[in-house]
Amino acid sequence: MKFDCIEKIIISLFQLYGRFLARHPLPFLVLSVLVAAGLGAGSFFLDSETNIEDLYIPQNARAKTERAYVQEHFPTNDSTSFQATRLITLGRPTSVIVTSKLSDNNVLGSTALAAIVSLNKAIKGIQAEVSGRNYSYTDLCSMWNMQCQINGEDLLDF
């Protein structure tokens, strides 16, 4: 005994739908483009969260209230006496990763090191004007003993 009566109905419905779609393609194309554009435009209003504390710690967690208490009662001035061990939050550190385009892929070669030193000087030479005041790299870096604390800079002292 065959039970293909449902299958035959579905096949005939899809045949009708396919014929209709082949005879009237423009409304389906326009509708699909409009739906995609509408949904894509909605992504403009999405906000992304990158703060690790906001992502993984509950809103009223004890850790957040204690951190706020420490920040309020024990403020740190990292502009003159920076120590990484005293950080309450990670802040917004910046890293530069350098790769070699040379055939040997060696970033420790003399040509690549010269380019790295040049890049380091260019980064340190960056200046920005904010509210009519010029800021240089040394104005914004974390200082300890009157020197900017930069991870990995010892590698460039040659």
Protein backbone atom coordinates (compact mmCIF):
# COMPACT_ATOMS: atom_id res chain seq x y z
CA MET A 1 0.00 0.00 0.00
CA LYS A 2 1.39 3.40 -0.98
CA PHE A 3 1.22 6.44 1.28
CA ASP A 4 2.44 9.06 -1.19
CA CYS A 5 -0.76 11.11 -1.30
CA ILE A 6 0.76 13.89 0.86
CA GLU A 7 3.93 13.87 -1.22
CA LYS A 8 1.95 14.31 -4.45
CA ILE A 9 0.07 17.28 -3.00
CA ILE A 10 3.31 18.96 -1.91
CA ILE A 11 4.91 18.31 -5.31
CA SER A 12 1.95 19.86 -7.14
CA LEU A 13 1.95 22.91 -4.84
CA PHE A 14 5.66 23.52 -5.43
CA GLN A 15 5.14 23.11 -9.20
CA LEU A 16 2.42 25.77 -9.12
CA TYR A 17 4.59 28.06 -7.00
CA GLY A 18 7.57 27.56 -9.33
CA ARG A 19 5.52 28.37 -12.44
CA PHE A 20 4.08 31.49 -10.78
CA LEU A 21 7.56 32.60 -9.70
CA ALA A 22 8.98 32.03 -13.20
CA ARG A 23 6.18 34.08 -14.79
CA HIS A 24 6.44 36.98 -12.25
CA PRO A 25 10.08 37.25 -11.08
CA LEU A 26 10.24 41.04 -10.60
CA PRO A 27 7.99 41.34 -7.50
CA PHE A 28 9.92 38.56 -5.76
CA LEU A 29 13.28 40.15 -6.56
CA VAL A 30 12.17 43.61 -5.43
CA LEU A 31 10.55 42.26 -2.27
CA SER A 32 13.63 40.24 -1.30
CA VAL A 33 15.92 43.26 -1.86
CA LEU A 34 13.63 45.49 0.21
CA VAL A 35 13.48 42.98 3.06
CA ALA A 36 17.27 42.57 3.04
CA ALA A 37 17.78 46.35 2.95
CA GLY A 38 15.32 46.87 5.80
CA LEU A 39 16.94 44.25 7.98
CA GLY A 40 20.43 45.50 7.08
CA ALA A 41 19.47 49.07 7.97
CA GLY A 42 18.33 47.84 11.36
CA SER A 43 21.86 46.68 12.13
CA PHE A 44 22.88 50.36 12.12
CA PHE A 45 21.02 50.78 15.39
CA LEU A 46 22.65 47.81 17.13
CA ASP A 47 25.10 48.56 19.92
CA SER A 48 28.02 46.28 20.63
CA GLU A 49 29.35 45.77 24.12
CA THR A 50 33.07 45.15 24.52
CA ASN A 51 33.54 45.78 28.23
CA ILE A 52 34.33 42.42 29.81
CA GLU A 53 32.77 43.40 33.12
CA ASP A 54 29.47 44.35 31.52
CA LEU A 55 29.43 41.17 29.46
CA TYR A 56 30.19 38.59 32.15
CA ILE A 57 29.42 40.12 35.54
CA PRO A 58 25.80 40.64 36.69
CA GLN A 59 24.62 44.25 36.98
CA ASN A 60 24.33 44.31 40.80
CA ALA A 61 27.31 42.07 41.51
CA ARG A 62 29.38 42.66 44.62
CA ALA A 63 32.56 42.93 42.51
CA LYS A 64 31.21 45.97 40.66
CA THR A 65 30.21 47.80 43.82
CA GLU A 66 33.56 47.06 45.46
CA ARG A 67 35.48 48.24 42.38
CA ALA A 68 33.45 51.47 42.36
CA TYR A 69 34.24 51.95 46.07
CA VAL A 70 37.98 51.44 45.49
CA GLN A 71 38.00 53.83 42.51
CA GLU A 72 36.15 56.47 44.51
CA HIS A 73 38.20 56.28 47.71
CA PHE A 74 41.63 55.35 46.31
CA PRO A 75 42.07 57.22 43.02
CA THR A 76 45.27 56.60 41.07
CA ASN A 77 47.20 59.04 38.93
CA ASP A 78 48.85 56.93 36.24
CA SER A 79 50.18 59.96 34.40
CA THR A 80 53.14 60.38 36.77
CA SER A 81 53.56 57.19 38.81
CA PHE A 82 52.31 54.31 36.71
CA GLN A 83 52.63 50.76 37.96
CA ALA A 84 50.80 47.96 36.20
CA THR A 85 50.30 46.09 39.48
CA ARG A 86 48.17 48.95 40.85
CA LEU A 87 45.69 48.93 37.99
CA ILE A 88 42.07 48.62 39.08
CA THR A 89 40.83 48.18 35.52
CA LEU A 90 42.65 47.29 32.34
CA GLY A 91 41.72 50.56 30.71
CA ARG A 92 42.24 50.73 26.95
CA PRO A 93 45.73 49.49 26.17
CA THR A 94 47.02 49.60 22.63
CA SER A 95 49.22 47.05 20.90
CA VAL A 96 51.04 47.08 17.61
CA ILE A 97 51.81 43.71 16.05
CA VAL A 98 54.46 43.80 13.35
CA THR A 99 54.91 41.14 10.69
CA SER A 100 57.51 40.99 7.95
CA LYS A 101 56.67 41.22 4.25
CA LEU A 102 60.16 40.11 3.31
CA SER A 103 60.74 36.69 1.78
CA ASP A 104 62.43 35.34 4.91
CA ASN A 105 59.55 36.48 7.25
CA ASN A 106 62.12 37.43 9.88
CA VAL A 107 61.12 40.45 11.97
CA LEU A 108 64.49 40.36 13.73
CA GLY A 109 66.45 40.98 10.53
CA SER A 110 68.21 44.32 10.16
CA THR A 111 65.85 45.58 7.43
CA ALA A 112 62.73 44.69 9.40
CA LEU A 113 64.15 46.11 12.65
CA ALA A 114 64.95 49.38 10.90
CA ALA A 115 61.33 49.55 9.71
CA ILE A 116 60.10 48.77 13.24
CA VAL A 117 62.25 51.53 14.72
CA SER A 118 60.91 53.92 12.07
CA LEU A 119 57.34 52.90 12.91
CA ASN A 120 58.03 53.39 16.63
CA LYS A 121 59.36 56.91 15.97
CA ALA A 122 56.31 57.70 13.83
CA ILE A 123 53.96 56.52 16.60
CA LYS A 124 55.81 58.60 19.18
CA GLY A 125 55.62 61.59 16.85
CA ILE A 126 51.83 61.53 16.63
CA GLN A 127 50.17 64.71 17.88
CA ALA A 128 46.50 65.52 18.37
CA GLU A 129 44.67 68.76 18.95
CA VAL A 130 41.76 68.57 21.37
CA SER A 131 39.82 71.68 22.38
CA GLY A 132 42.57 73.94 21.12
CA ARG A 133 45.36 72.18 23.02
CA ASN A 134 48.04 70.06 21.33
CA TYR A 135 48.81 66.70 22.89
CA SER A 136 51.87 64.63 22.06
CA TYR A 137 52.62 61.00 22.78
CA THR A 138 54.51 61.84 25.96
CA ASP A 139 51.55 63.87 27.26
CA LEU A 140 49.28 60.82 27.09
CA CYS A 141 51.47 57.83 27.98
CA SER A 142 51.66 56.26 31.42
CA MET A 143 54.75 57.53 33.22
CA TRP A 144 57.07 56.05 35.82
CA ASN A 145 60.25 57.86 36.88
CA MET A 146 59.62 60.47 34.18
CA GLN A 147 59.65 57.84 31.40
CA CYS A 148 56.84 56.39 29.33
CA GLN A 149 56.13 52.80 30.23
CA ILE A 150 55.81 50.85 26.99
CA ASN A 151 55.82 47.07 26.83
CA GLY A 152 58.42 45.68 24.46
CA GLU A 153 60.34 48.89 23.89
CA ASP A 154 63.44 47.36 25.47
CA LEU A 155 63.67 45.20 22.36
CA LEU A 156 64.28 48.31 20.29
CA ASP A 157 67.16 49.66 22.41
CA PHE A 158 70.10 48.67 20.25
